[in-house]
Amino acid sequence: ATILLLLIVGTVFALSLVWWAGQNTQS
């Protein structure tokens, strides 16, 4: 369960990084 949760957290991190890179980083 911990490994699965860490994989989910890593996926959320990757998606948030990709999303944030496409935004106005001045906000």
mmCIF file of all heavy atoms, coordinates in Angstrom:
data_MODEL
# 
_entry.id   MODEL 
# 
loop_
_atom_site.group_PDB 
_atom_site.id 
_atom_site.type_symbol 
_atom_site.label_atom_id 
_atom_site.label_alt_id 
_atom_site.label_comp_id 
_atom_site.label_asym_id 
_atom_site.label_entity_id 
_atom_site.label_seq_id 
_atom_site.pdbx_PDB_ins_code 
_atom_site.Cartn_x 
_atom_site.Cartn_y 
_atom_site.Cartn_z 
_atom_site.occupancy 
_atom_site.B_iso_or_equiv 
_atom_site.pdbx_formal_charge 
_atom_site.auth_seq_id 
_atom_site.auth_comp_id 
_atom_site.auth_asym_id 
_atom_site.auth_atom_id 
_atom_site.pdbx_PDB_model_num 
ATOM 1   N N   . ALA A 1 1  ? 0.839  -1.209 0.000   1.00 0.00 ? 1  ALA A N   1 
ATOM 2   C CA  . ALA A 1 1  ? 0.000  0.000  0.000   1.00 0.00 ? 1  ALA A CA  1 
ATOM 3   C C   . ALA A 1 1  ? 0.871  1.255  0.000   1.00 0.00 ? 1  ALA A C   1 
ATOM 4   O O   . ALA A 1 1  ? 0.549  2.238  -0.676  1.00 0.00 ? 1  ALA A O   1 
ATOM 5   C CB  . ALA A 1 1  ? -0.936 -0.011 1.206   1.00 0.00 ? 1  ALA A CB  1 
ATOM 6   N N   . THR A 1 2  ? 1.967  1.220  0.734   1.00 0.00 ? 2  THR A N   1 
ATOM 7   C CA  . THR A 1 2  ? 2.870  2.371  0.776   1.00 0.00 ? 2  THR A CA  1 
ATOM 8   C C   . THR A 1 2  ? 3.516  2.599  -0.580  1.00 0.00 ? 2  THR A C   1 
ATOM 9   O O   . THR A 1 2  ? 3.601  3.745  -1.051  1.00 0.00 ? 2  THR A O   1 
ATOM 10  C CB  . THR A 1 2  ? 3.941  2.163  1.859   1.00 0.00 ? 2  THR A CB  1 
ATOM 11  O OG1 . THR A 1 2  ? 3.295  1.991  3.118   1.00 0.00 ? 2  THR A OG1 1 
ATOM 12  C CG2 . THR A 1 2  ? 4.888  3.340  1.923   1.00 0.00 ? 2  THR A CG2 1 
ATOM 13  N N   . ILE A 1 3  ? 3.964  1.552  -1.222  1.00 0.00 ? 3  ILE A N   1 
ATOM 14  C CA  . ILE A 1 3  ? 4.565  1.688  -2.556  1.00 0.00 ? 3  ILE A CA  1 
ATOM 15  C C   . ILE A 1 3  ? 3.543  2.212  -3.550  1.00 0.00 ? 3  ILE A C   1 
ATOM 16  O O   . ILE A 1 3  ? 3.845  3.112  -4.349  1.00 0.00 ? 3  ILE A O   1 
ATOM 17  C CB  . ILE A 1 3  ? 5.173  0.348  -3.012  1.00 0.00 ? 3  ILE A CB  1 
ATOM 18  C CG1 . ILE A 1 3  ? 6.404  0.023  -2.161  1.00 0.00 ? 3  ILE A CG1 1 
ATOM 19  C CG2 . ILE A 1 3  ? 5.538  0.371  -4.487  1.00 0.00 ? 3  ILE A CG2 1 
ATOM 20  C CD1 . ILE A 1 3  ? 6.945  -1.369 -2.352  1.00 0.00 ? 3  ILE A CD1 1 
ATOM 21  N N   . LEU A 1 4  ? 2.323  1.685  -3.503  1.00 0.00 ? 4  LEU A N   1 
ATOM 22  C CA  . LEU A 1 4  ? 1.265  2.171  -4.386  1.00 0.00 ? 4  LEU A CA  1 
ATOM 23  C C   . LEU A 1 4  ? 0.968  3.641  -4.131  1.00 0.00 ? 4  LEU A C   1 
ATOM 24  O O   . LEU A 1 4  ? 0.835  4.430  -5.071  1.00 0.00 ? 4  LEU A O   1 
ATOM 25  C CB  . LEU A 1 4  ? -0.001 1.331  -4.210  1.00 0.00 ? 4  LEU A CB  1 
ATOM 26  C CG  . LEU A 1 4  ? -1.199 1.740  -5.051  1.00 0.00 ? 4  LEU A CG  1 
ATOM 27  C CD1 . LEU A 1 4  ? -0.893 1.577  -6.542  1.00 0.00 ? 4  LEU A CD1 1 
ATOM 28  C CD2 . LEU A 1 4  ? -2.427 0.938  -4.654  1.00 0.00 ? 4  LEU A CD2 1 
ATOM 29  N N   . LEU A 1 5  ? 0.910  4.016  -2.868  1.00 0.00 ? 5  LEU A N   1 
ATOM 30  C CA  . LEU A 1 5  ? 0.649  5.412  -2.520  1.00 0.00 ? 5  LEU A CA  1 
ATOM 31  C C   . LEU A 1 5  ? 1.782  6.322  -2.990  1.00 0.00 ? 5  LEU A C   1 
ATOM 32  O O   . LEU A 1 5  ? 1.535  7.423  -3.506  1.00 0.00 ? 5  LEU A O   1 
ATOM 33  C CB  . LEU A 1 5  ? 0.460  5.526  -1.010  1.00 0.00 ? 5  LEU A CB  1 
ATOM 34  C CG  . LEU A 1 5  ? -0.175 6.783  -0.469  1.00 0.00 ? 5  LEU A CG  1 
ATOM 35  C CD1 . LEU A 1 5  ? -1.487 7.093  -1.166  1.00 0.00 ? 5  LEU A CD1 1 
ATOM 36  C CD2 . LEU A 1 5  ? -0.397 6.642  1.018   1.00 0.00 ? 5  LEU A CD2 1 
ATOM 37  N N   . LEU A 1 6  ? 3.021  5.865  -2.864  1.00 0.00 ? 6  LEU A N   1 
ATOM 38  C CA  . LEU A 1 6  ? 4.149  6.659  -3.351  1.00 0.00 ? 6  LEU A CA  1 
ATOM 39  C C   . LEU A 1 6  ? 4.127  6.784  -4.874  1.00 0.00 ? 6  LEU A C   1 
ATOM 40  O O   . LEU A 1 6  ? 4.502  7.829  -5.422  1.00 0.00 ? 6  LEU A O   1 
ATOM 41  C CB  . LEU A 1 6  ? 5.471  6.054  -2.873  1.00 0.00 ? 6  LEU A CB  1 
ATOM 42  C CG  . LEU A 1 6  ? 5.776  6.236  -1.389  1.00 0.00 ? 6  LEU A CG  1 
ATOM 43  C CD1 . LEU A 1 6  ? 7.020  5.438  -0.993  1.00 0.00 ? 6  LEU A CD1 1 
ATOM 44  C CD2 . LEU A 1 6  ? 5.935  7.703  -1.039  1.00 0.00 ? 6  LEU A CD2 1 
ATOM 45  N N   . LEU A 1 7  ? 3.688  5.748  -5.570  1.00 0.00 ? 7  LEU A N   1 
ATOM 46  C CA  . LEU A 1 7  ? 3.539  5.845  -7.026  1.00 0.00 ? 7  LEU A CA  1 
ATOM 47  C C   . LEU A 1 7  ? 2.451  6.846  -7.400  1.00 0.00 ? 7  LEU A C   1 
ATOM 48  O O   . LEU A 1 7  ? 2.610  7.625  -8.356  1.00 0.00 ? 7  LEU A O   1 
ATOM 49  C CB  . LEU A 1 7  ? 3.232  4.469  -7.620  1.00 0.00 ? 7  LEU A CB  1 
ATOM 50  C CG  . LEU A 1 7  ? 4.392  3.478  -7.623  1.00 0.00 ? 7  LEU A CG  1 
ATOM 51  C CD1 . LEU A 1 7  ? 3.918  2.098  -8.067  1.00 0.00 ? 7  LEU A CD1 1 
ATOM 52  C CD2 . LEU A 1 7  ? 5.521  3.970  -8.509  1.00 0.00 ? 7  LEU A CD2 1 
ATOM 53  N N   . ILE A 1 8  ? 1.354  6.850  -6.666  1.00 0.00 ? 8  ILE A N   1 
ATOM 54  C CA  . ILE A 1 8  ? 0.284  7.826  -6.914  1.00 0.00 ? 8  ILE A CA  1 
ATOM 55  C C   . ILE A 1 8  ? 0.790  9.238  -6.654  1.00 0.00 ? 8  ILE A C   1 
ATOM 56  O O   . ILE A 1 8  ? 0.558  10.153 -7.449  1.00 0.00 ? 8  ILE A O   1 
ATOM 57  C CB  . ILE A 1 8  ? -0.952 7.502  -6.049  1.00 0.00 ? 8  ILE A CB  1 
ATOM 58  C CG1 . ILE A 1 8  ? -1.609 6.212  -6.533  1.00 0.00 ? 8  ILE A CG1 1 
ATOM 59  C CG2 . ILE A 1 8  ? -1.956 8.652  -6.053  1.00 0.00 ? 8  ILE A CG2 1 
ATOM 60  C CD1 . ILE A 1 8  ? -2.671 5.667  -5.599  1.00 0.00 ? 8  ILE A CD1 1 
ATOM 61  N N   . VAL A 1 9  ? 1.507  9.419  -5.553  1.00 0.00 ? 9  VAL A N   1 
ATOM 62  C CA  . VAL A 1 9  ? 2.055  10.735 -5.218  1.00 0.00 ? 9  VAL A CA  1 
ATOM 63  C C   . VAL A 1 9  ? 3.050  11.180 -6.288  1.00 0.00 ? 9  VAL A C   1 
ATOM 64  O O   . VAL A 1 9  ? 3.054  12.346 -6.703  1.00 0.00 ? 9  VAL A O   1 
ATOM 65  C CB  . VAL A 1 9  ? 2.711  10.696 -3.821  1.00 0.00 ? 9  VAL A CB  1 
ATOM 66  C CG1 . VAL A 1 9  ? 3.561  11.924 -3.567  1.00 0.00 ? 9  VAL A CG1 1 
ATOM 67  C CG2 . VAL A 1 9  ? 1.649  10.550 -2.748  1.00 0.00 ? 9  VAL A CG2 1 
ATOM 68  N N   . GLY A 1 10 ? 3.885  10.261 -6.771  1.00 0.00 ? 10 GLY A N   1 
ATOM 69  C CA  . GLY A 1 10 ? 4.831  10.598 -7.838  1.00 0.00 ? 10 GLY A CA  1 
ATOM 70  C C   . GLY A 1 10 ? 4.124  10.996 -9.123  1.00 0.00 ? 10 GLY A C   1 
ATOM 71  O O   . GLY A 1 10 ? 4.551  11.926 -9.816  1.00 0.00 ? 10 GLY A O   1 
ATOM 72  N N   . THR A 1 11 ? 3.033  10.315 -9.432  1.00 0.00 ? 11 THR A N   1 
ATOM 73  C CA  . THR A 1 11 ? 2.248  10.660 -10.625 1.00 0.00 ? 11 THR A CA  1 
ATOM 74  C C   . THR A 1 11 ? 1.617  12.035 -10.476 1.00 0.00 ? 11 THR A C   1 
ATOM 75  O O   . THR A 1 11 ? 1.648  12.845 -11.414 1.00 0.00 ? 11 THR A O   1 
ATOM 76  C CB  . THR A 1 11 ? 1.167  9.594  -10.869 1.00 0.00 ? 11 THR A CB  1 
ATOM 77  O OG1 . THR A 1 11 ? 1.796  8.326  -11.006 1.00 0.00 ? 11 THR A OG1 1 
ATOM 78  C CG2 . THR A 1 11 ? 0.367  9.900  -12.117 1.00 0.00 ? 11 THR A CG2 1 
ATOM 79  N N   . VAL A 1 12 ? 1.058  12.310 -9.304  1.00 0.00 ? 12 VAL A N   1 
ATOM 80  C CA  . VAL A 1 12 ? 0.465  13.629 -9.061  1.00 0.00 ? 12 VAL A CA  1 
ATOM 81  C C   . VAL A 1 12 ? 1.532  14.712 -9.154  1.00 0.00 ? 12 VAL A C   1 
ATOM 82  O O   . VAL A 1 12 ? 1.298  15.787 -9.718  1.00 0.00 ? 12 VAL A O   1 
ATOM 83  C CB  . VAL A 1 12 ? -0.266 13.659 -7.695  1.00 0.00 ? 12 VAL A CB  1 
ATOM 84  C CG1 . VAL A 1 12 ? -0.659 15.069 -7.309  1.00 0.00 ? 12 VAL A CG1 1 
ATOM 85  C CG2 . VAL A 1 12 ? -1.489 12.754 -7.723  1.00 0.00 ? 12 VAL A CG2 1 
ATOM 86  N N   . PHE A 1 13 ? 2.734  14.428 -8.631  1.00 0.00 ? 13 PHE A N   1 
ATOM 87  C CA  . PHE A 1 13 ? 3.838  15.388 -8.732  1.00 0.00 ? 13 PHE A CA  1 
ATOM 88  C C   . PHE A 1 13 ? 4.194  15.654 -10.192 1.00 0.00 ? 13 PHE A C   1 
ATOM 89  O O   . PHE A 1 13 ? 4.341  16.806 -10.607 1.00 0.00 ? 13 PHE A O   1 
ATOM 90  C CB  . PHE A 1 13 ? 5.063  14.874 -7.973  1.00 0.00 ? 13 PHE A CB  1 
ATOM 91  C CG  . PHE A 1 13 ? 6.327  15.628 -8.285  1.00 0.00 ? 13 PHE A CG  1 
ATOM 92  C CD1 . PHE A 1 13 ? 6.480  16.941 -7.895  1.00 0.00 ? 13 PHE A CD1 1 
ATOM 93  C CD2 . PHE A 1 13 ? 7.360  15.023 -8.975  1.00 0.00 ? 13 PHE A CD2 1 
ATOM 94  C CE1 . PHE A 1 13 ? 7.645  17.647 -8.182  1.00 0.00 ? 13 PHE A CE1 1 
ATOM 95  C CE2 . PHE A 1 13 ? 8.525  15.701 -9.268  1.00 0.00 ? 13 PHE A CE2 1 
ATOM 96  C CZ  . PHE A 1 13 ? 8.668  17.029 -8.870  1.00 0.00 ? 13 PHE A CZ  1 
ATOM 97  N N   . ALA A 1 14 ? 4.341  14.597 -10.975 1.00 0.00 ? 14 ALA A N   1 
ATOM 98  C CA  . ALA A 1 14 ? 4.700  14.763 -12.391 1.00 0.00 ? 14 ALA A CA  1 
ATOM 99  C C   . ALA A 1 14 ? 3.627  15.555 -13.134 1.00 0.00 ? 14 ALA A C   1 
ATOM 100 O O   . ALA A 1 14 ? 3.951  16.465 -13.912 1.00 0.00 ? 14 ALA A O   1 
ATOM 101 C CB  . ALA A 1 14 ? 4.912  13.399 -13.043 1.00 0.00 ? 14 ALA A CB  1 
ATOM 102 N N   . LEU A 1 15 ? 2.372  15.227 -12.888 1.00 0.00 ? 15 LEU A N   1 
ATOM 103 C CA  . LEU A 1 15 ? 1.289  15.953 -13.554 1.00 0.00 ? 15 LEU A CA  1 
ATOM 104 C C   . LEU A 1 15 ? 1.234  17.412 -13.116 1.00 0.00 ? 15 LEU A C   1 
ATOM 105 O O   . LEU A 1 15 ? 1.017  18.313 -13.939 1.00 0.00 ? 15 LEU A O   1 
ATOM 106 C CB  . LEU A 1 15 ? -0.050 15.264 -13.288 1.00 0.00 ? 15 LEU A CB  1 
ATOM 107 C CG  . LEU A 1 15 ? -0.229 13.894 -13.937 1.00 0.00 ? 15 LEU A CG  1 
ATOM 108 C CD1 . LEU A 1 15 ? -1.528 13.243 -13.465 1.00 0.00 ? 15 LEU A CD1 1 
ATOM 109 C CD2 . LEU A 1 15 ? -0.192 14.007 -15.449 1.00 0.00 ? 15 LEU A CD2 1 
ATOM 110 N N   . SER A 1 16 ? 1.432  17.663 -11.830 1.00 0.00 ? 16 SER A N   1 
ATOM 111 C CA  . SER A 1 16 ? 1.401  19.045 -11.359 1.00 0.00 ? 16 SER A CA  1 
ATOM 112 C C   . SER A 1 16 ? 2.588  19.835 -11.889 1.00 0.00 ? 16 SER A C   1 
ATOM 113 O O   . SER A 1 16 ? 2.457  21.020 -12.214 1.00 0.00 ? 16 SER A O   1 
ATOM 114 C CB  . SER A 1 16 ? 1.351  19.104 -9.836  1.00 0.00 ? 16 SER A CB  1 
ATOM 115 O OG  . SER A 1 16 ? 2.549  18.637 -9.269  1.00 0.00 ? 16 SER A OG  1 
ATOM 116 N N   . LEU A 1 17 ? 3.726  19.182 -12.032 1.00 0.00 ? 17 LEU A N   1 
ATOM 117 C CA  . LEU A 1 17 ? 4.900  19.854 -12.588 1.00 0.00 ? 17 LEU A CA  1 
ATOM 118 C C   . LEU A 1 17 ? 4.677  20.225 -14.046 1.00 0.00 ? 17 LEU A C   1 
ATOM 119 O O   . LEU A 1 17 ? 4.986  21.346 -14.475 1.00 0.00 ? 17 LEU A O   1 
ATOM 120 C CB  . LEU A 1 17 ? 6.129  18.959 -12.437 1.00 0.00 ? 17 LEU A CB  1 
ATOM 121 C CG  . LEU A 1 17 ? 7.463  19.556 -12.827 1.00 0.00 ? 17 LEU A CG  1 
ATOM 122 C CD1 . LEU A 1 17 ? 7.779  20.777 -11.989 1.00 0.00 ? 17 LEU A CD1 1 
ATOM 123 C CD2 . LEU A 1 17 ? 8.561  18.514 -12.657 1.00 0.00 ? 17 LEU A CD2 1 
ATOM 124 N N   . VAL A 1 18 ? 4.110  19.299 -14.810 1.00 0.00 ? 18 VAL A N   1 
ATOM 125 C CA  . VAL A 1 18 ? 3.820  19.583 -16.219 1.00 0.00 ? 18 VAL A CA  1 
ATOM 126 C C   . VAL A 1 18 ? 2.783  20.687 -16.334 1.00 0.00 ? 18 VAL A C   1 
ATOM 127 O O   . VAL A 1 18 ? 2.926  21.610 -17.143 1.00 0.00 ? 18 VAL A O   1 
ATOM 128 C CB  . VAL A 1 18 ? 3.345  18.287 -16.934 1.00 0.00 ? 18 VAL A CB  1 
ATOM 129 C CG1 . VAL A 1 18 ? 2.765  18.594 -18.301 1.00 0.00 ? 18 VAL A CG1 1 
ATOM 130 C CG2 . VAL A 1 18 ? 4.486  17.300 -17.045 1.00 0.00 ? 18 VAL A CG2 1 
ATOM 131 N N   . TRP A 1 19 ? 1.749  20.622 -15.499 1.00 0.00 ? 19 TRP A N   1 
ATOM 132 C CA  . TRP A 1 19 ? 0.706  21.646 -15.549 1.00 0.00 ? 19 TRP A CA  1 
ATOM 133 C C   . TRP A 1 19 ? 1.261  23.014 -15.155 1.00 0.00 ? 19 TRP A C   1 
ATOM 134 O O   . TRP A 1 19 ? 0.995  24.009 -15.814 1.00 0.00 ? 19 TRP A O   1 
ATOM 135 C CB  . TRP A 1 19 ? -0.446 21.258 -14.615 1.00 0.00 ? 19 TRP A CB  1 
ATOM 136 C CG  . TRP A 1 19 ? -1.571 22.248 -14.644 1.00 0.00 ? 19 TRP A CG  1 
ATOM 137 C CD1 . TRP A 1 19 ? -2.601 22.282 -15.527 1.00 0.00 ? 19 TRP A CD1 1 
ATOM 138 C CD2 . TRP A 1 19 ? -1.761 23.347 -13.759 1.00 0.00 ? 19 TRP A CD2 1 
ATOM 139 N NE1 . TRP A 1 19 ? -3.421 23.340 -15.241 1.00 0.00 ? 19 TRP A NE1 1 
ATOM 140 C CE2 . TRP A 1 19 ? -2.928 24.012 -14.154 1.00 0.00 ? 19 TRP A CE2 1 
ATOM 141 C CE3 . TRP A 1 19 ? -1.052 23.837 -12.656 1.00 0.00 ? 19 TRP A CE3 1 
ATOM 142 C CZ2 . TRP A 1 19 ? -3.409 25.138 -13.495 1.00 0.00 ? 19 TRP A CZ2 1 
ATOM 143 C CZ3 . TRP A 1 19 ? -1.529 24.949 -12.011 1.00 0.00 ? 19 TRP A CZ3 1 
ATOM 144 C CH2 . TRP A 1 19 ? -2.692 25.589 -12.430 1.00 0.00 ? 19 TRP A CH2 1 
ATOM 145 N N   . TRP A 1 20 ? 2.049  23.046 -14.076 1.00 0.00 ? 20 TRP A N   1 
ATOM 146 C CA  . TRP A 1 20 ? 2.579  24.313 -13.578 1.00 0.00 ? 20 TRP A CA  1 
ATOM 147 C C   . TRP A 1 20 ? 3.589  24.917 -14.558 1.00 0.00 ? 20 TRP A C   1 
ATOM 148 O O   . TRP A 1 20 ? 3.671  26.136 -14.685 1.00 0.00 ? 20 TRP A O   1 
ATOM 149 C CB  . TRP A 1 20 ? 3.217  24.122 -12.209 1.00 0.00 ? 20 TRP A CB  1 
ATOM 150 C CG  . TRP A 1 20 ? 3.747  25.366 -11.576 1.00 0.00 ? 20 TRP A CG  1 
ATOM 151 C CD1 . TRP A 1 20 ? 5.031  25.606 -11.235 1.00 0.00 ? 20 TRP A CD1 1 
ATOM 152 C CD2 . TRP A 1 20 ? 3.012  26.546 -11.223 1.00 0.00 ? 20 TRP A CD2 1 
ATOM 153 N NE1 . TRP A 1 20 ? 5.155  26.843 -10.678 1.00 0.00 ? 20 TRP A NE1 1 
ATOM 154 C CE2 . TRP A 1 20 ? 3.926  27.451 -10.661 1.00 0.00 ? 20 TRP A CE2 1 
ATOM 155 C CE3 . TRP A 1 20 ? 1.687  26.921 -11.319 1.00 0.00 ? 20 TRP A CE3 1 
ATOM 156 C CZ2 . TRP A 1 20 ? 3.555  28.703 -10.195 1.00 0.00 ? 20 TRP A CZ2 1 
ATOM 157 C CZ3 . TRP A 1 20 ? 1.311  28.171 -10.863 1.00 0.00 ? 20 TRP A CZ3 1 
ATOM 158 C CH2 . TRP A 1 20 ? 2.234  29.045 -10.309 1.00 0.00 ? 20 TRP A CH2 1 
ATOM 159 N N   . ALA A 1 21 ? 4.336  24.092 -15.268 1.00 0.00 ? 21 ALA A N   1 
ATOM 160 C CA  . ALA A 1 21 ? 5.306  24.602 -16.239 1.00 0.00 ? 21 ALA A CA  1 
ATOM 161 C C   . ALA A 1 21 ? 4.611  25.331 -17.384 1.00 0.00 ? 21 ALA A C   1 
ATOM 162 O O   . ALA A 1 21 ? 5.182  26.240 -17.979 1.00 0.00 ? 21 ALA A O   1 
ATOM 163 C CB  . ALA A 1 21 ? 6.153  23.461 -16.787 1.00 0.00 ? 21 ALA A CB  1 
ATOM 164 N N   . GLY A 1 22 ? 3.369  24.962 -17.677 1.00 0.00 ? 22 GLY A N   1 
ATOM 165 C CA  . GLY A 1 22 ? 2.629  25.619 -18.742 1.00 0.00 ? 22 GLY A CA  1 
ATOM 166 C C   . GLY A 1 22 ? 1.861  26.852 -18.303 1.00 0.00 ? 22 GLY A C   1 
ATOM 167 O O   . GLY A 1 22 ? 1.235  27.524 -19.117 1.00 0.00 ? 22 GLY A O   1 
ATOM 168 N N   . GLN A 1 23 ? 1.914  27.175 -17.022 1.00 0.00 ? 23 GLN A N   1 
ATOM 169 C CA  . GLN A 1 23 ? 1.181  28.321 -16.493 1.00 0.00 ? 23 GLN A CA  1 
ATOM 170 C C   . GLN A 1 23 ? 2.079  29.541 -16.403 1.00 0.00 ? 23 GLN A C   1 
ATOM 171 O O   . GLN A 1 23 ? 3.286  29.464 -16.572 1.00 0.00 ? 23 GLN A O   1 
ATOM 172 C CB  . GLN A 1 23 ? 0.611  28.001 -15.098 1.00 0.00 ? 23 GLN A CB  1 
ATOM 173 C CG  . GLN A 1 23 ? -0.294 26.811 -15.057 1.00 0.00 ? 23 GLN A CG  1 
ATOM 174 C CD  . GLN A 1 23 ? -1.507 26.968 -15.946 1.00 0.00 ? 23 GLN A CD  1 
ATOM 175 O OE1 . GLN A 1 23 ? -2.202 27.985 -15.880 1.00 0.00 ? 23 GLN A OE1 1 
ATOM 176 N NE2 . GLN A 1 23 ? -1.761 25.994 -16.784 1.00 0.00 ? 23 GLN A NE2 1 
ATOM 177 N N   . ASN A 1 24 ? 1.463  30.661 -16.050 1.00 0.00 ? 24 ASN A N   1 
ATOM 178 C CA  . ASN A 1 24 ? 2.198  31.888 -15.789 1.00 0.00 ? 24 ASN A CA  1 
ATOM 179 C C   . ASN A 1 24 ? 2.853  31.742 -14.420 1.00 0.00 ? 24 ASN A C   1 
ATOM 180 O O   . ASN A 1 24 ? 2.171  31.770 -13.402 1.00 0.00 ? 24 ASN A O   1 
ATOM 181 C CB  . ASN A 1 24 ? 1.237  33.083 -15.810 1.00 0.00 ? 24 ASN A CB  1 
ATOM 182 C CG  . ASN A 1 24 ? 1.925  34.385 -15.477 1.00 0.00 ? 24 ASN A CG  1 
ATOM 183 O OD1 . ASN A 1 24 ? 3.151  34.445 -15.396 1.00 0.00 ? 24 ASN A OD1 1 
ATOM 184 N ND2 . ASN A 1 24 ? 1.145  35.417 -15.267 1.00 0.00 ? 24 ASN A ND2 1 
ATOM 185 N N   . THR A 1 25 ? 4.152  31.578 -14.389 1.00 0.00 ? 25 THR A N   1 
ATOM 186 C CA  . THR A 1 25 ? 4.832  31.324 -13.123 1.00 0.00 ? 25 THR A CA  1 
ATOM 187 C C   . THR A 1 25 ? 4.986  32.583 -12.275 1.00 0.00 ? 25 THR A C   1 
ATOM 188 O O   . THR A 1 25 ? 5.553  32.525 -11.194 1.00 0.00 ? 25 THR A O   1 
ATOM 189 C CB  . THR A 1 25 ? 6.219  30.695 -13.366 1.00 0.00 ? 25 THR A CB  1 
ATOM 190 O OG1 . THR A 1 25 ? 6.981  31.551 -14.211 1.00 0.00 ? 25 THR A OG1 1 
ATOM 191 C CG2 . THR A 1 25 ? 6.087  29.320 -13.971 1.00 0.00 ? 25 THR A CG2 1 
ATOM 192 N N   . GLN A 1 26 ? 4.479  33.705 -12.747 1.00 0.00 ? 26 GLN A N   1 
ATOM 193 C CA  . GLN A 1 26 ? 4.492  34.910 -11.929 1.00 0.00 ? 26 GLN A CA  1 
ATOM 194 C C   . GLN A 1 26 ? 3.352  34.876 -10.911 1.00 0.00 ? 26 GLN A C   1 
ATOM 195 O O   . GLN A 1 26 ? 3.346  35.630 -9.955  1.00 0.00 ? 26 GLN A O   1 
ATOM 196 C CB  . GLN A 1 26 ? 4.378  36.159 -12.810 1.00 0.00 ? 26 GLN A CB  1 
ATOM 197 C CG  . GLN A 1 26 ? 5.508  36.318 -13.805 1.00 0.00 ? 26 GLN A CG  1 
ATOM 198 C CD  . GLN A 1 26 ? 6.874  36.369 -13.137 1.00 0.00 ? 26 GLN A CD  1 
ATOM 199 O OE1 . GLN A 1 26 ? 7.024  36.911 -12.060 1.00 0.00 ? 26 GLN A OE1 1 
ATOM 200 N NE2 . GLN A 1 26 ? 7.869  35.790 -13.793 1.00 0.00 ? 26 GLN A NE2 1 
ATOM 201 N N   . SER A 1 27 ? 2.387  33.985 -11.137 1.00 0.00 ? 27 SER A N   1 
ATOM 202 C CA  . SER A 1 27 ? 1.275  33.866 -10.204 1.00 0.00 ? 27 SER A CA  1 
ATOM 203 C C   . SER A 1 27 ? 1.663  32.924 -9.064  1.00 0.00 ? 27 SER A C   1 
ATOM 204 O O   . SER A 1 27 ? 2.703  32.292 -9.092  1.00 0.00 ? 27 SER A O   1 
ATOM 205 C CB  . SER A 1 27 ? 0.032  33.357 -10.933 1.00 0.00 ? 27 SER A CB  1 
ATOM 206 O OG  . SER A 1 27 ? 0.276  32.078 -11.472 1.00 0.00 ? 27 SER A OG  1 
# 
